[in-house]
PDB file of N, CA and C in Angstrom:
ATOM      1  N   UNK A   1      98.608 137.693 -37.187  1.00  0.00           N
ATOM      2  CA  UNK A   1      99.740 137.972 -36.343  1.00  0.00           C
ATOM      3  C   UNK A   1     100.798 136.900 -36.583  1.00  0.00           C
ATOM      4  N   UNK A   2     102.024 137.318 -36.772  1.00  0.00           N
ATOM      5  CA  UNK A   2     103.121 136.386 -36.983  1.00  0.00           C
ATOM      6  C   UNK A   2     103.748 135.974 -35.662  1.00  0.00           C
ATOM      7  N   UNK A   3     104.058 134.716 -35.550  1.00  0.00           N
ATOM      8  CA  UNK A   3     104.749 134.203 -34.375  1.00  0.00           C
ATOM      9  C   UNK A   3     106.173 133.851 -34.765  1.00  0.00           C
ATOM     10  N   UNK A   4     107.076 134.012 -33.835  1.00  0.00           N
ATOM     11  CA  UNK A   4     108.463 133.616 -34.036  1.00  0.00           C
ATOM     12  C   UNK A   4     108.823 132.620 -32.948  1.00  0.00           C
ATOM     13  N   UNK A   5     109.692 131.675 -33.292  1.00  0.00           N
ATOM     14  CA  UNK A   5     110.117 130.663 -32.327  1.00  0.00           C
ATOM     15  C   UNK A   5     111.642 130.666 -32.269  1.00  0.00           C
ATOM     16  N   UNK A   6     112.158 130.712 -31.063  1.00  0.00           N
ATOM     17  CA  UNK A   6     113.594 130.638 -30.821  1.00  0.00           C
ATOM     18  C   UNK A   6     113.881 129.306 -30.140  1.00  0.00           C
ATOM     19  N   UNK A   7     114.857 128.560 -30.665  1.00  0.00           N
ATOM     20  CA  UNK A   7     115.180 127.256 -30.087  1.00  0.00           C
ATOM     21  C   UNK A   7     116.452 127.362 -29.245  1.00  0.00           C
ATOM     22  N   UNK A   8     116.384 126.817 -28.031  1.00  0.00           N
ATOM     23  CA  UNK A   8     117.547 126.731 -27.142  1.00  0.00           C
ATOM     24  C   UNK A   8     118.139 125.333 -27.292  1.00  0.00           C
ATOM     25  N   UNK A   9     119.457 125.252 -27.465  1.00  0.00           N
ATOM     26  CA  UNK A   9     120.118 123.954 -27.612  1.00  0.00           C
ATOM     27  C   UNK A   9     121.205 123.784 -26.552  1.00  0.00           C
ATOM     28  N   UNK A  10     121.624 122.540 -26.365  1.00  0.00           N
ATOM     29  CA  UNK A  10     122.772 122.291 -25.497  1.00  0.00           C
ATOM     30  C   UNK A  10     124.042 122.381 -26.341  1.00  0.00           C
ATOM     31  N   UNK A  11     125.197 122.108 -25.743  1.00  0.00           N
ATOM     32  CA  UNK A  11     126.473 122.225 -26.465  1.00  0.00           C
ATOM     33  C   UNK A  11     126.574 121.277 -27.651  1.00  0.00           C
ATOM     34  N   UNK A  12     125.847 120.173 -27.619  1.00  0.00           N
ATOM     35  CA  UNK A  12     125.861 119.205 -28.719  1.00  0.00           C
ATOM     36  C   UNK A  12     124.871 119.571 -29.822  1.00  0.00           C
ATOM     37  N   UNK A  13     124.092 120.635 -29.614  1.00  0.00           N
ATOM     38  CA  UNK A  13     123.116 121.060 -30.609  1.00  0.00           C
ATOM     39  C   UNK A  13     121.749 120.433 -30.466  1.00  0.00           C
ATOM     40  N   UNK A  14     121.541 119.651 -29.417  1.00  0.00           N
ATOM     41  CA  UNK A  14     120.232 119.022 -29.197  1.00  0.00           C
ATOM     42  C   UNK A  14     119.254 120.048 -28.628  1.00  0.00           C
ATOM     43  N   UNK A  15     118.031 120.094 -29.146  1.00  0.00           N
ATOM     44  CA  UNK A  15     117.038 121.050 -28.642  1.00  0.00           C
ATOM     45  C   UNK A  15     116.741 120.837 -27.160  1.00  0.00           C
ATOM     46  N   UNK A  16     116.682 121.932 -26.408  1.00  0.00           N
ATOM     47  CA  UNK A  16     116.362 121.895 -24.982  1.00  0.00           C
ATOM     48  C   UNK A  16     115.038 122.590 -24.685  1.00  0.00           C
ATOM     49  N   UNK A  17     114.747 123.651 -25.446  1.00  0.00           N
ATOM     50  CA  UNK A  17     113.509 124.410 -25.226  1.00  0.00           C
ATOM     51  C   UNK A  17     113.228 125.269 -26.450  1.00  0.00           C
ATOM     52  N   UNK A  18     111.956 125.651 -26.587  1.00  0.00           N
ATOM     53  CA  UNK A  18     111.515 126.549 -27.645  1.00  0.00           C
ATOM     54  C   UNK A  18     110.785 127.712 -26.990  1.00  0.00           C
ATOM     55  N   UNK A  19     111.102 128.929 -27.416  1.00  0.00           N
ATOM     56  CA  UNK A  19     110.477 130.142 -26.896  1.00  0.00           C
ATOM     57  C   UNK A  19     109.601 130.732 -27.990  1.00  0.00           C
ATOM     58  N   UNK A  20     108.344 131.026 -27.667  1.00  0.00           N
ATOM     59  CA  UNK A  20     107.380 131.534 -28.635  1.00  0.00           C
ATOM     60  C   UNK A  20     107.191 133.031 -28.405  1.00  0.00           C
ATOM     61  N   UNK A  21     107.374 133.802 -29.479  1.00  0.00           N
ATOM     62  CA  UNK A  21     107.244 135.254 -29.434  1.00  0.00           C
ATOM     63  C   UNK A  21     106.123 135.700 -30.350  1.00  0.00           C
ATOM     64  N   UNK A  22     105.457 136.766 -29.984  1.00  0.00           N
ATOM     65  CA  UNK A  22     104.487 137.451 -30.834  1.00  0.00           C
ATOM     66  C   UNK A  22     104.832 138.930 -30.737  1.00  0.00           C
ATOM     67  N   UNK A  23     104.100 139.683 -29.937  1.00  0.00           N
ATOM     68  CA  UNK A  23     104.454 141.074 -29.654  1.00  0.00           C
ATOM     69  C   UNK A  23     105.477 141.115 -28.521  1.00  0.00           C
ATOM     70  N   UNK A  24     105.849 139.990 -28.017  1.00  0.00           N
ATOM     71  CA  UNK A  24     106.800 139.791 -26.929  1.00  0.00           C
ATOM     72  C   UNK A  24     106.827 138.306 -26.624  1.00  0.00           C
ATOM     73  N   UNK A  25     107.592 137.934 -25.629  1.00  0.00           N
ATOM     74  CA  UNK A  25     107.688 136.527 -25.245  1.00  0.00           C
ATOM     75  C   UNK A  25     106.369 136.077 -24.627  1.00  0.00           C
ATOM     76  N   UNK A  26     105.778 135.007 -25.176  1.00  0.00           N
ATOM     77  CA  UNK A  26     104.495 134.546 -24.637  1.00  0.00           C
ATOM     78  C   UNK A  26     104.560 133.149 -24.038  1.00  0.00           C
ATOM     79  N   UNK A  27     105.551 132.336 -24.442  1.00  0.00           N
ATOM     80  CA  UNK A  27     105.585 130.993 -23.899  1.00  0.00           C
ATOM     81  C   UNK A  27     106.900 130.286 -24.122  1.00  0.00           C
ATOM     82  N   UNK A  28     107.058 129.179 -23.404  1.00  0.00           N
ATOM     83  CA  UNK A  28     108.261 128.349 -23.482  1.00  0.00           C
ATOM     84  C   UNK A  28     107.839 126.889 -23.364  1.00  0.00           C
ATOM     85  N   UNK A  29     108.380 126.058 -24.252  1.00  0.00           N
ATOM     86  CA  UNK A  29     108.145 124.616 -24.165  1.00  0.00           C
ATOM     87  C   UNK A  29     109.489 123.918 -24.043  1.00  0.00           C
ATOM     88  N   UNK A  30     109.635 123.052 -23.038  1.00  0.00           N
ATOM     89  CA  UNK A  30     110.899 122.337 -22.876  1.00  0.00           C
ATOM     90  C   UNK A  30     110.884 121.053 -23.702  1.00  0.00           C
ATOM     91  N   UNK A  31     112.016 120.361 -23.729  1.00  0.00           N
ATOM     92  CA  UNK A  31     112.158 119.159 -24.556  1.00  0.00           C
ATOM     93  C   UNK A  31     111.216 118.038 -24.138  1.00  0.00           C
ATOM     94  N   UNK A  32     110.732 118.072 -22.897  1.00  0.00           N
ATOM     95  CA  UNK A  32     109.785 117.063 -22.415  1.00  0.00           C
ATOM     96  C   UNK A  32     108.342 117.401 -22.780  1.00  0.00           C
ATOM     97  N   UNK A  33     108.122 118.561 -23.420  1.00  0.00           N
ATOM     98  CA  UNK A  33     106.780 118.953 -23.826  1.00  0.00           C
ATOM     99  C   UNK A  33     106.021 119.774 -22.808  1.00  0.00           C
ATOM    100  N   UNK A  34     106.681 120.206 -21.740  1.00  0.00           N
ATOM    101  CA  UNK A  34     106.029 121.051 -20.729  1.00  0.00           C
ATOM    102  C   UNK A  34     105.987 122.489 -21.227  1.00  0.00           C
ATOM    103  N   UNK A  35     104.786 123.065 -21.278  1.00  0.00           N
ATOM    104  CA  UNK A  35     104.612 124.425 -21.787  1.00  0.00           C
ATOM    105  C   UNK A  35     104.340 125.378 -20.629  1.00  0.00           C
ATOM    106  N   UNK A  36     104.992 126.536 -20.659  1.00  0.00           N
ATOM    107  CA  UNK A  36     104.759 127.582 -19.669  1.00  0.00           C
ATOM    108  C   UNK A  36     104.429 128.873 -20.399  1.00  0.00           C
ATOM    109  N   UNK A  37     103.512 129.641 -19.822  1.00  0.00           N
ATOM    110  CA  UNK A  37     103.143 130.934 -20.389  1.00  0.00           C
ATOM    111  C   UNK A  37     103.655 132.047 -19.490  1.00  0.00           C
ATOM    112  N   UNK A  38     104.123 133.132 -20.111  1.00  0.00           N
ATOM    113  CA  UNK A  38     104.640 134.295 -19.393  1.00  0.00           C
ATOM    114  C   UNK A  38     103.514 135.290 -19.159  1.00  0.00           C
ATOM    115  N   UNK A  39     103.515 135.913 -17.984  1.00  0.00           N
ATOM    116  CA  UNK A  39     102.529 136.940 -17.637  1.00  0.00           C
ATOM    117  C   UNK A  39     103.276 138.192 -17.199  1.00  0.00           C
ATOM    118  N   UNK A  40     102.780 139.345 -17.631  1.00  0.00           N
ATOM    119  CA  UNK A  40     103.472 140.610 -17.418  1.00  0.00           C
ATOM    120  C   UNK A  40     102.597 141.599 -16.670  1.00  0.00           C
ATOM    121  N   UNK A  41     103.254 142.577 -16.018  1.00  0.00           N
ATOM    122  CA  UNK A  41     102.504 143.677 -15.421  1.00  0.00           C
ATOM    123  C   UNK A  41     102.371 144.794 -16.459  1.00  0.00           C
ATOM    124  N   UNK A  42     101.810 145.922 -16.063  1.00  0.00           N
ATOM    125  CA  UNK A  42     101.575 147.021 -17.002  1.00  0.00           C
ATOM    126  C   UNK A  42     102.860 147.660 -17.511  1.00  0.00           C
ATOM    127  N   UNK A  43     103.973 147.409 -16.848  1.00  0.00           N
ATOM    128  CA  UNK A  43     105.269 147.953 -17.282  1.00  0.00           C
ATOM    129  C   UNK A  43     106.060 146.941 -18.107  1.00  0.00           C
ATOM    130  N   UNK A  44     105.444 145.848 -18.482  1.00  0.00           N
ATOM    131  CA  UNK A  44     106.072 144.764 -19.246  1.00  0.00           C
ATOM    132  C   UNK A  44     107.134 144.000 -18.466  1.00  0.00           C
ATOM    133  N   UNK A  45     107.066 144.020 -17.142  1.00  0.00           N
ATOM    134  CA  UNK A  45     107.941 143.195 -16.316  1.00  0.00           C
ATOM    135  C   UNK A  45     107.332 141.801 -16.206  1.00  0.00           C
ATOM    136  N   UNK A  46     108.153 140.770 -16.343  1.00  0.00           N
ATOM    137  CA  UNK A  46     107.661 139.406 -16.156  1.00  0.00           C
ATOM    138  C   UNK A  46     107.286 139.214 -14.699  1.00  0.00           C
ATOM    139  N   UNK A  47     106.065 138.802 -14.449  1.00  0.00           N
ATOM    140  CA  UNK A  47     105.591 138.616 -13.080  1.00  0.00           C
ATOM    141  C   UNK A  47     105.437 137.141 -12.716  1.00  0.00           C
ATOM    142  N   UNK A  48     104.913 136.341 -13.647  1.00  0.00           N
ATOM    143  CA  UNK A  48     104.645 134.931 -13.362  1.00  0.00           C
ATOM    144  C   UNK A  48     104.866 134.085 -14.601  1.00  0.00           C
ATOM    145  N   UNK A  49     105.127 132.806 -14.359  1.00  0.00           N
ATOM    146  CA  UNK A  49     105.061 131.773 -15.380  1.00  0.00           C
ATOM    147  C   UNK A  49     104.010 130.786 -14.915  1.00  0.00           C
ATOM    148  N   UNK A  50     103.136 130.366 -15.830  1.00  0.00           N
ATOM    149  CA  UNK A  50     102.125 129.377 -15.481  1.00  0.00           C
ATOM    150  C   UNK A  50     102.236 128.176 -16.414  1.00  0.00           C
ATOM    151  N   UNK A  51     101.796 127.036 -15.904  1.00  0.00           N
ATOM    152  CA  UNK A  51     101.770 125.816 -16.710  1.00  0.00           C
ATOM    153  C   UNK A  51     100.578 125.875 -17.662  1.00  0.00           C
ATOM    154  N   UNK A  52     100.495 124.891 -18.540  1.00  0.00           N
ATOM    155  CA  UNK A  52      99.359 124.806 -19.461  1.00  0.00           C
ATOM    156  C   UNK A  52      98.047 124.613 -18.711  1.00  0.00           C
ATOM    157  N   UNK A  53      98.116 124.189 -17.439  1.00  0.00           N
ATOM    158  CA  UNK A  53      96.923 123.978 -16.615  1.00  0.00           C
ATOM    159  C   UNK A  53      96.603 125.172 -15.726  1.00  0.00           C
ATOM    160  N   UNK A  54      97.371 126.264 -15.870  1.00  0.00           N
ATOM    161  CA  UNK A  54      97.104 127.471 -15.097  1.00  0.00           C
ATOM    162  C   UNK A  54      97.775 127.534 -13.738  1.00  0.00           C
ATOM    163  N   UNK A  55      98.595 126.540 -13.396  1.00  0.00           N
ATOM    164  CA  UNK A  55      99.326 126.545 -12.125  1.00  0.00           C
ATOM    165  C   UNK A  55     100.501 127.512 -12.220  1.00  0.00           C
ATOM    166  N   UNK A  56     100.683 128.369 -11.225  1.00  0.00           N
ATOM    167  CA  UNK A  56     101.842 129.259 -11.200  1.00  0.00           C
ATOM    168  C   UNK A  56     103.072 128.410 -10.903  1.00  0.00           C
ATOM    169  N   UNK A  57     104.060 128.458 -11.813  1.00  0.00           N
ATOM    170  CA  UNK A  57     105.280 127.667 -11.646  1.00  0.00           C
ATOM    171  C   UNK A  57     106.460 128.516 -11.209  1.00  0.00           C
ATOM    172  N   UNK A  58     106.460 129.789 -11.544  1.00  0.00           N
ATOM    173  CA  UNK A  58     107.515 130.717 -11.148  1.00  0.00           C
ATOM    174  C   UNK A  58     106.893 132.080 -10.904  1.00  0.00           C
ATOM    175  N   UNK A  59     107.411 132.794  -9.898  1.00  0.00           N
ATOM    176  CA  UNK A  59     106.964 134.162  -9.615  1.00  0.00           C
ATOM    177  C   UNK A  59     108.196 135.054  -9.552  1.00  0.00           C
ATOM    178  N   UNK A  60     108.065 136.272 -10.073  1.00  0.00           N
ATOM    179  CA  UNK A  60     109.164 137.229 -10.084  1.00  0.00           C
ATOM    180  C   UNK A  60     108.696 138.517  -9.431  1.00  0.00           C
ATOM    181  N   UNK A  61     109.588 139.161  -8.692  1.00  0.00           N
ATOM    182  CA  UNK A  61     109.275 140.431  -8.039  1.00  0.00           C
ATOM    183  C   UNK A  61     110.249 141.472  -8.565  1.00  0.00           C
ATOM    184  N   UNK A  62     109.808 142.281  -9.523  1.00  0.00           N
ATOM    185  CA  UNK A  62     110.687 143.260 -10.152  1.00  0.00           C
ATOM    186  C   UNK A  62     111.135 144.348  -9.191  1.00  0.00           C
ATOM    187  N   UNK A  63     110.467 144.510  -8.056  1.00  0.00           N
ATOM    188  CA  UNK A  63     110.865 145.552  -7.110  1.00  0.00           C
ATOM    189  C   UNK A  63     112.248 145.284  -6.531  1.00  0.00           C
ATOM    190  N   UNK A  64     112.658 144.034  -6.486  1.00  0.00           N
ATOM    191  CA  UNK A  64     113.980 143.698  -5.950  1.00  0.00           C
ATOM    192  C   UNK A  64     115.103 144.255  -6.807  1.00  0.00           C
ATOM    193  N   UNK A  65     114.837 144.513  -8.079  1.00  0.00           N
ATOM    194  CA  UNK A  65     115.887 144.904  -9.010  1.00  0.00           C
ATOM    195  C   UNK A  65     115.930 146.401  -9.270  1.00  0.00           C
ATOM    196  N   UNK A  66     115.093 147.162  -8.624  1.00  0.00           N
ATOM    197  CA  UNK A  66     115.054 148.610  -8.837  1.00  0.00           C
ATOM    198  C   UNK A  66     115.634 149.322  -7.625  1.00  0.00           C
ATOM    199  N   UNK A  67     116.370 150.411  -7.857  1.00  0.00           N
ATOM    200  CA  UNK A  67     116.909 151.158  -6.716  1.00  0.00           C
ATOM    201  C   UNK A  67     115.789 151.775  -5.886  1.00  0.00           C
ATOM    202  N   UNK A  68     116.016 151.838  -4.603  1.00  0.00           N
ATOM    203  CA  UNK A  68     115.026 152.449  -3.707  1.00  0.00           C
ATOM    204  C   UNK A  68     114.963 153.950  -3.960  1.00  0.00           C
ATOM    205  N   UNK A  69     113.760 154.533  -3.971  1.00  0.00           N
ATOM    206  CA  UNK A  69     113.646 155.989  -4.174  1.00  0.00           C
ATOM    207  C   UNK A  69     114.178 156.733  -2.953  1.00  0.00           C
ATOM    208  N   UNK A  70     114.817 157.868  -3.188  1.00  0.00           N
ATOM    209  CA  UNK A  70     115.357 158.691  -2.095  1.00  0.00           C
ATOM    210  C   UNK A  70     114.572 159.957  -1.947  1.00  0.00           C
TER     211      UNK A  70
END
């Protein structure tokens, strides 16, 4: 399996973060070396980000962004 890496830079061109892709986005490492992994639901919506130690660092609720059914 091939991995791709996208680098995020600031206006001066200094690296700020690296995003790791495979079949989709799987992780992000910031310039300080902190790695986070992306977790998805069955619809490929991002649900959580976890640290390298398994701690949930961010949670997302995709229901907020969908129109209410009528």
